Each structure stands twice: as C-alpha cells, then as structure tokens.
PDB file of N, CA and C in Angstrom:
ATOM      1  N   MET A   1      79.672  91.944  98.902  1.00  0.00           N
ATOM      2  CA  MET A   1      80.573  90.812  99.014  1.00  0.00           C
ATOM      3  C   MET A   1      81.699  91.177  99.977  1.00  0.00           C
ATOM      4  N   GLN A   2      81.906  90.335 100.963  1.00  0.00           N
ATOM      5  CA  GLN A   2      82.954  90.577 101.944  1.00  0.00           C
ATOM      6  C   GLN A   2      84.264  89.995 101.443  1.00  0.00           C
ATOM      7  N   GLN A   3      85.327  90.810 101.539  1.00  0.00           N
ATOM      8  CA  GLN A   3      86.639  90.346 101.105  1.00  0.00           C
ATOM      9  C   GLN A   3      87.370  89.780 102.308  1.00  0.00           C
ATOM     10  N   GLU A   4      87.986  88.634 102.122  1.00  0.00           N
ATOM     11  CA  GLU A   4      88.782  88.032 103.175  1.00  0.00           C
ATOM     12  C   GLU A   4      90.245  88.224 102.855  1.00  0.00           C
ATOM     13  N   ARG A   5      91.020  88.520 103.891  1.00  0.00           N
ATOM     14  CA  ARG A   5      92.452  88.671 103.715  1.00  0.00           C
ATOM     15  C   ARG A   5      93.128  87.412 104.198  1.00  0.00           C
ATOM     16  N   GLU A   6      94.089  86.953 103.432  1.00  0.00           N
ATOM     17  CA  GLU A   6      94.882  85.804 103.835  1.00  0.00           C
ATOM     18  C   GLU A   6      96.169  86.296 104.467  1.00  0.00           C
ATOM     19  N   VAL A   7      96.622  85.567 105.462  1.00  0.00           N
ATOM     20  CA  VAL A   7      97.882  85.904 106.090  1.00  0.00           C
ATOM     21  C   VAL A   7      98.982  85.181 105.333  1.00  0.00           C
ATOM     22  N   SER A   8      99.948  85.940 104.844  1.00  0.00           N
ATOM     23  CA  SER A   8     101.080  85.357 104.129  1.00  0.00           C
ATOM     24  C   SER A   8     102.237  85.219 105.112  1.00  0.00           C
ATOM     25  N   VAL A   9     102.464  84.021 105.558  1.00  0.00           N
ATOM     26  CA  VAL A   9     103.496  83.763 106.542  1.00  0.00           C
ATOM     27  C   VAL A   9     104.868  84.000 105.932  1.00  0.00           C
ATOM     28  N   GLY A  10     105.672  84.804 106.618  1.00  0.00           N
ATOM     29  CA  GLY A  10     107.044  85.018 106.198  1.00  0.00           C
ATOM     30  C   GLY A  10     107.250  86.092 105.145  1.00  0.00           C
ATOM     31  N   VAL A  11     106.187  86.674 104.609  1.00  0.00           N
ATOM     32  CA  VAL A  11     106.332  87.723 103.605  1.00  0.00           C
ATOM     33  C   VAL A  11     105.827  89.023 104.225  1.00  0.00           C
ATOM     34  N   PRO A  12     106.727  89.982 104.473  1.00  0.00           N
ATOM     35  CA  PRO A  12     106.302  91.252 105.064  1.00  0.00           C
ATOM     36  C   PRO A  12     105.272  91.953 104.188  1.00  0.00           C
ATOM     37  N   VAL A  13     104.387  92.694 104.833  1.00  0.00           N
ATOM     38  CA  VAL A  13     103.315  93.392 104.131  1.00  0.00           C
ATOM     39  C   VAL A  13     103.865  94.274 103.017  1.00  0.00           C
ATOM     40  N   ILE A  14     104.946  94.993 103.280  1.00  0.00           N
ATOM     41  CA  ILE A  14     105.497  95.904 102.269  1.00  0.00           C
ATOM     42  C   ILE A  14     105.940  95.125 101.020  1.00  0.00           C
ATOM     43  N   GLN A  15     106.493  93.938 101.202  1.00  0.00           N
ATOM     44  CA  GLN A  15     106.898  93.104 100.063  1.00  0.00           C
ATOM     45  C   GLN A  15     105.678  92.598  99.305  1.00  0.00           C
ATOM     46  N   GLN A  16     104.613  92.233 100.028  1.00  0.00           N
ATOM     47  CA  GLN A  16     103.385  91.785  99.374  1.00  0.00           C
ATOM     48  C   GLN A  16     102.842  92.879  98.464  1.00  0.00           C
ATOM     49  N   VAL A  17     102.822  94.107  98.971  1.00  0.00           N
ATOM     50  CA  VAL A  17     102.300  95.228  98.197  1.00  0.00           C
ATOM     51  C   VAL A  17     103.169  95.494  96.972  1.00  0.00           C
ATOM     52  N   LYS A  18     104.482  95.415  97.127  1.00  0.00           N
ATOM     53  CA  LYS A  18     105.385  95.627  95.989  1.00  0.00           C
ATOM     54  C   LYS A  18     105.145  94.585  94.898  1.00  0.00           C
ATOM     55  N   ILE A  19     104.964  93.341  95.286  1.00  0.00           N
ATOM     56  CA  ILE A  19     104.711  92.262  94.323  1.00  0.00           C
ATOM     57  C   ILE A  19     103.378  92.496  93.613  1.00  0.00           C
ATOM     58  N   GLN A  20     102.363  92.839  94.383  1.00  0.00           N
ATOM     59  CA  GLN A  20     101.041  93.073  93.796  1.00  0.00           C
ATOM     60  C   GLN A  20     101.060  94.260  92.837  1.00  0.00           C
ATOM     61  N   ALA A  21     101.848  95.271  93.153  1.00  0.00           N
ATOM     62  CA  ALA A  21     101.928  96.457  92.295  1.00  0.00           C
ATOM     63  C   ALA A  21     102.455  96.106  90.908  1.00  0.00           C
ATOM     64  N   GLN A  22     103.324  95.101  90.831  1.00  0.00           N
ATOM     65  CA  GLN A  22     103.860  94.701  89.529  1.00  0.00           C
ATOM     66  C   GLN A  22     102.758  94.192  88.605  1.00  0.00           C
ATOM     67  N   VAL A  23     101.694  93.684  89.164  1.00  0.00           N
ATOM     68  CA  VAL A  23     100.559  93.208  88.374  1.00  0.00           C
ATOM     69  C   VAL A  23      99.504  94.300  88.231  1.00  0.00           C
ATOM     70  N   LEU A  24      99.235  94.997  89.314  1.00  0.00           N
ATOM     71  CA  LEU A  24      98.129  95.951  89.317  1.00  0.00           C
ATOM     72  C   LEU A  24      98.387  97.212  88.492  1.00  0.00           C
ATOM     73  N   ILE A  25      99.592  97.711  88.488  1.00  0.00           N
ATOM     74  CA  ILE A  25      99.862  98.960  87.758  1.00  0.00           C
ATOM     75  C   ILE A  25      99.576  98.823  86.261  1.00  0.00           C
ATOM     76  N   PRO A  26     100.070  97.776  85.593  1.00  0.00           N
ATOM     77  CA  PRO A  26      99.716  97.643  84.170  1.00  0.00           C
ATOM     78  C   PRO A  26      98.208  97.452  83.952  1.00  0.00           C
ATOM     79  N   LEU A  27      97.559  96.743  84.857  1.00  0.00           N
ATOM     80  CA  LEU A  27      96.117  96.544  84.741  1.00  0.00           C
ATOM     81  C   LEU A  27      95.374  97.868  84.880  1.00  0.00           C
ATOM     82  N   ILE A  28      95.757  98.666  85.861  1.00  0.00           N
ATOM     83  CA  ILE A  28      95.114  99.963  86.074  1.00  0.00           C
ATOM     84  C   ILE A  28      95.345 100.884  84.882  1.00  0.00           C
ATOM     85  N   LYS A  29      96.543 100.883  84.341  1.00  0.00           N
ATOM     86  CA  LYS A  29      96.832 101.710  83.161  1.00  0.00           C
ATOM     87  C   LYS A  29      95.969 101.288  81.970  1.00  0.00           C
ATOM     88  N   ALA A  30      95.776  99.995  81.795  1.00  0.00           N
ATOM     89  CA  ALA A  30      94.923  99.507  80.712  1.00  0.00           C
ATOM     90  C   ALA A  30      93.469  99.918  80.941  1.00  0.00           C
ATOM     91  N   LEU A  31      93.006  99.833  82.173  1.00  0.00           N
ATOM     92  CA  LEU A  31      91.643 100.273  82.492  1.00  0.00           C
ATOM     93  C   LEU A  31      91.480 101.771  82.223  1.00  0.00           C
ATOM     94  N   GLN A  32      92.483 102.554  82.597  1.00  0.00           N
ATOM     95  CA  GLN A  32      92.423 103.996  82.357  1.00  0.00           C
ATOM     96  C   GLN A  32      92.341 104.297  80.865  1.00  0.00           C
ATOM     97  N   ALA A  33      93.095 103.572  80.071  1.00  0.00           N
ATOM     98  CA  ALA A  33      93.069 103.791  78.618  1.00  0.00           C
ATOM     99  C   ALA A  33      91.714 103.412  78.029  1.00  0.00           C
ATOM    100  N   GLU A  34      91.116 102.373  78.566  1.00  0.00           N
ATOM    101  CA  GLU A  34      89.851 101.864  78.029  1.00  0.00           C
ATOM    102  C   GLU A  34      88.637 102.641  78.541  1.00  0.00           C
ATOM    103  N   LEU A  35      88.636 102.959  79.837  1.00  0.00           N
ATOM    104  CA  LEU A  35      87.453 103.546  80.476  1.00  0.00           C
ATOM    105  C   LEU A  35      87.578 105.036  80.746  1.00  0.00           C
ATOM    106  N   GLY A  36      88.786 105.563  80.638  1.00  0.00           N
ATOM    107  CA  GLY A  36      89.055 106.928  81.059  1.00  0.00           C
ATOM    108  C   GLY A  36      89.592 106.897  82.485  1.00  0.00           C
ATOM    109  N   GLU A  37      90.455 107.867  82.788  1.00  0.00           N
ATOM    110  CA  GLU A  37      91.158 107.856  84.074  1.00  0.00           C
ATOM    111  C   GLU A  37      90.210 107.949  85.271  1.00  0.00           C
ATOM    112  N   GLU A  38      89.259 108.850  85.211  1.00  0.00           N
ATOM    113  CA  GLU A  38      88.359 109.050  86.356  1.00  0.00           C
ATOM    114  C   GLU A  38      87.530 107.802  86.650  1.00  0.00           C
ATOM    115  N   ARG A  39      86.944 107.243  85.627  1.00  0.00           N
ATOM    116  CA  ARG A  39      86.093 106.054  85.805  1.00  0.00           C
ATOM    117  C   ARG A  39      86.923 104.849  86.266  1.00  0.00           C
ATOM    118  N   ALA A  40      88.079 104.654  85.659  1.00  0.00           N
ATOM    119  CA  ALA A  40      88.949 103.535  86.036  1.00  0.00           C
ATOM    120  C   ALA A  40      89.423 103.665  87.478  1.00  0.00           C
ATOM    121  N   ASN A  41      89.847 104.861  87.859  1.00  0.00           N
ATOM    122  CA  ASN A  41      90.321 105.060  89.231  1.00  0.00           C
ATOM    123  C   ASN A  41      89.216 104.826  90.256  1.00  0.00           C
ATOM    124  N   ALA A  42      88.002 105.259  89.937  1.00  0.00           N
ATOM    125  CA  ALA A  42      86.869 105.024  90.839  1.00  0.00           C
ATOM    126  C   ALA A  42      86.604 103.532  90.985  1.00  0.00           C
ATOM    127  N   LEU A  43      86.679 102.812  89.882  1.00  0.00           N
ATOM    128  CA  LEU A  43      86.475 101.361  89.906  1.00  0.00           C
ATOM    129  C   LEU A  43      87.534 100.674  90.766  1.00  0.00           C
ATOM    130  N   VAL A  44      88.773 101.047  90.578  1.00  0.00           N
ATOM    131  CA  VAL A  44      89.873 100.456  91.351  1.00  0.00           C
ATOM    132  C   VAL A  44      89.720 100.782  92.835  1.00  0.00           C
ATOM    133  N   ARG A  45      89.351 102.023  93.145  1.00  0.00           N
ATOM    134  CA  ARG A  45      89.146 102.398  94.554  1.00  0.00           C
ATOM    135  C   ARG A  45      88.053 101.550  95.199  1.00  0.00           C
ATOM    136  N   ARG A  46      86.946 101.365  94.490  1.00  0.00           N
ATOM    137  CA  ARG A  46      85.853 100.540  95.037  1.00  0.00           C
ATOM    138  C   ARG A  46      86.290  99.098  95.235  1.00  0.00           C
ATOM    139  N   ALA A  47      87.039  98.584  94.277  1.00  0.00           N
ATOM    140  CA  ALA A  47      87.428  97.176  94.311  1.00  0.00           C
ATOM    141  C   ALA A  47      88.549  96.879  95.315  1.00  0.00           C
ATOM    142  N   LEU A  48      89.501  97.794  95.449  1.00  0.00           N
ATOM    143  CA  LEU A  48      90.709  97.490  96.226  1.00  0.00           C
ATOM    144  C   LEU A  48      90.944  98.394  97.430  1.00  0.00           C
ATOM    145  N   GLY A  49      90.175  99.453  97.559  1.00  0.00           N
ATOM    146  CA  GLY A  49      90.426 100.432  98.608  1.00  0.00           C
ATOM    147  C   GLY A  49      90.485  99.851 100.006  1.00  0.00           C
ATOM    148  N   ASP A  50      89.503  99.043 100.371  1.00  0.00           N
ATOM    149  CA  ASP A  50      89.451  98.498 101.731  1.00  0.00           C
ATOM    150  C   ASP A  50      90.650  97.618 102.053  1.00  0.00           C
ATOM    151  N   ILE A  51      91.006  96.751 101.132  1.00  0.00           N
ATOM    152  CA  ILE A  51      92.111  95.838 101.418  1.00  0.00           C
ATOM    153  C   ILE A  51      93.438  96.589 101.540  1.00  0.00           C
ATOM    154  N   TYR A  52      93.635  97.608 100.711  1.00  0.00           N
ATOM    155  CA  TYR A  52      94.889  98.353 100.801  1.00  0.00           C
ATOM    156  C   TYR A  52      94.925  99.268 102.020  1.00  0.00           C
ATOM    157  N   ARG A  53      93.765  99.713 102.496  1.00  0.00           N
ATOM    158  CA  ARG A  53      93.730 100.428 103.774  1.00  0.00           C
ATOM    159  C   ARG A  53      94.152  99.492 104.898  1.00  0.00           C
ATOM    160  N   CYS A  54      93.713  98.244 104.838  1.00  0.00           N
ATOM    161  CA  CYS A  54      94.112  97.249 105.842  1.00  0.00           C
ATOM    162  C   CYS A  54      95.612  96.987 105.780  1.00  0.00           C
ATOM    163  N   TYR A  55      96.161  96.910 104.578  1.00  0.00           N
ATOM    164  CA  TYR A  55      97.612  96.743 104.447  1.00  0.00           C
ATOM    165  C   TYR A  55      98.340  97.908 105.110  1.00  0.00           C
ATOM    166  N   GLY A  56      97.836  99.111 104.901  1.00  0.00           N
ATOM    167  CA  GLY A  56      98.442 100.283 105.516  1.00  0.00           C
ATOM    168  C   GLY A  56      98.388 100.217 107.035  1.00  0.00           C
ATOM    169  N   GLU A  57      97.260  99.761 107.557  1.00  0.00           N
ATOM    170  CA  GLU A  57      97.134  99.610 109.007  1.00  0.00           C
ATOM    171  C   GLU A  57      98.108  98.555 109.527  1.00  0.00           C
ATOM    172  N   ASP A  58      98.217  97.441 108.814  1.00  0.00           N
ATOM    173  CA  ASP A  58      99.168  96.394 109.209  1.00  0.00           C
ATOM    174  C   ASP A  58     100.593  96.931 109.196  1.00  0.00           C
ATOM    175  N   PHE A  59     100.933  97.685 108.158  1.00  0.00           N
ATOM    176  CA  PHE A  59     102.273  98.246 108.050  1.00  0.00           C
ATOM    177  C   PHE A  59     102.540  99.205 109.204  1.00  0.00           C
ATOM    178  N   ARG A  60     101.561 100.044 109.508  1.00  0.00           N
ATOM    179  CA  ARG A  60     101.715 101.009 110.596  1.00  0.00           C
ATOM    180  C   ARG A  60     101.930 100.287 111.928  1.00  0.00           C
ATOM    181  N   ARG A  61     101.204  99.203 112.155  1.00  0.00           N
ATOM    182  CA  ARG A  61     101.353  98.435 113.396  1.00  0.00           C
ATOM    183  C   ARG A  61     102.741  97.809 113.514  1.00  0.00           C
ATOM    184  N   THR A  62     103.329  97.435 112.392  1.00  0.00           N
ATOM    185  CA  THR A  62     104.629  96.756 112.429  1.00  0.00           C
ATOM    186  C   THR A  62     105.810  97.700 112.289  1.00  0.00           C
ATOM    187  N   ARG A  63     105.567  98.979 112.166  1.00  0.00           N
ATOM    188  CA  ARG A  63     106.664  99.923 111.898  1.00  0.00           C
ATOM    189  C   ARG A  63     107.703  99.966 113.011  1.00  0.00           C
ATOM    190  N   ASN A  64     107.352  99.531 114.193  1.00  0.00           N
ATOM    191  CA  ASN A  64     108.297  99.522 115.289  1.00  0.00           C
ATOM    192  C   ASN A  64     109.195  98.282 115.288  1.00  0.00           C
ATOM    193  N   GLU A  65     108.875  97.334 114.410  1.00  0.00           N
ATOM    194  CA  GLU A  65     109.715  96.144 114.314  1.00  0.00           C
ATOM    195  C   GLU A  65     111.010  96.492 113.602  1.00  0.00           C
ATOM    196  N   LYS A  66     112.069  95.770 113.912  1.00  0.00           N
ATOM    197  CA  LYS A  66     113.378  96.056 113.318  1.00  0.00           C
ATOM    198  C   LYS A  66     113.400  95.772 111.822  1.00  0.00           C
ATOM    199  N   ASN A  67     112.738  94.718 111.364  1.00  0.00           N
ATOM    200  CA  ASN A  67     112.786  94.328 109.960  1.00  0.00           C
ATOM    201  C   ASN A  67     111.408  94.514 109.334  1.00  0.00           C
ATOM    202  N   LEU A  68     111.265  95.544 108.505  1.00  0.00           N
ATOM    203  CA  LEU A  68     110.005  95.781 107.808  1.00  0.00           C
ATOM    204  C   LEU A  68     110.003  95.157 106.420  1.00  0.00           C
ATOM    205  N   GLY A  69     111.089  94.482 106.069  1.00  0.00           N
ATOM    206  CA  GLY A  69     111.142  93.832 104.774  1.00  0.00           C
ATOM    207  C   GLY A  69     111.653  94.731 103.670  1.00  0.00           C
ATOM    208  N   THR A  70     112.275  95.829 104.017  1.00  0.00           N
ATOM    209  CA  THR A  70     112.794  96.729 102.986  1.00  0.00           C
ATOM    210  C   THR A  70     114.274  96.536 102.816  1.00  0.00           C
TER     211      THR A  70
END
C-alpha cells in the first residue's frame, strides 16, 4: 500500500511532527505494553518509518529558511 503525504499549508513540518507526537507517543507506549517493546517498535517502524523519513528530508531542505516554526 502506497502512503500519500498531504501538504499542510501554513504549518511548518516541525510543528506537524510535534502535534503528531502528542498522539503517537501514548499509542506506541500502549503497543509496547501489549506486544512487547521489540515487536511494537518493529510494527511502528514498518508503519511510519517512510513518512517520518520524508518529514526529516523536508525539514533538512527547509533548514536554511529563517522561520522553521520553532
């Protein structure tokens, strides 16, 4: 299944990631408690790894801009 990324106009990538972390961290902790840390982390990496690598690339490309949203 191919994942599509949506462009969020006006919201810097770093802010998007911070907002998503508020939801994902409790979910990941619950998965770790239920499935075990190794299995849960592998699942999360498979599910989210590509999109977060893309976020990192986007952030790296914009690092020369004056306002990174921090």
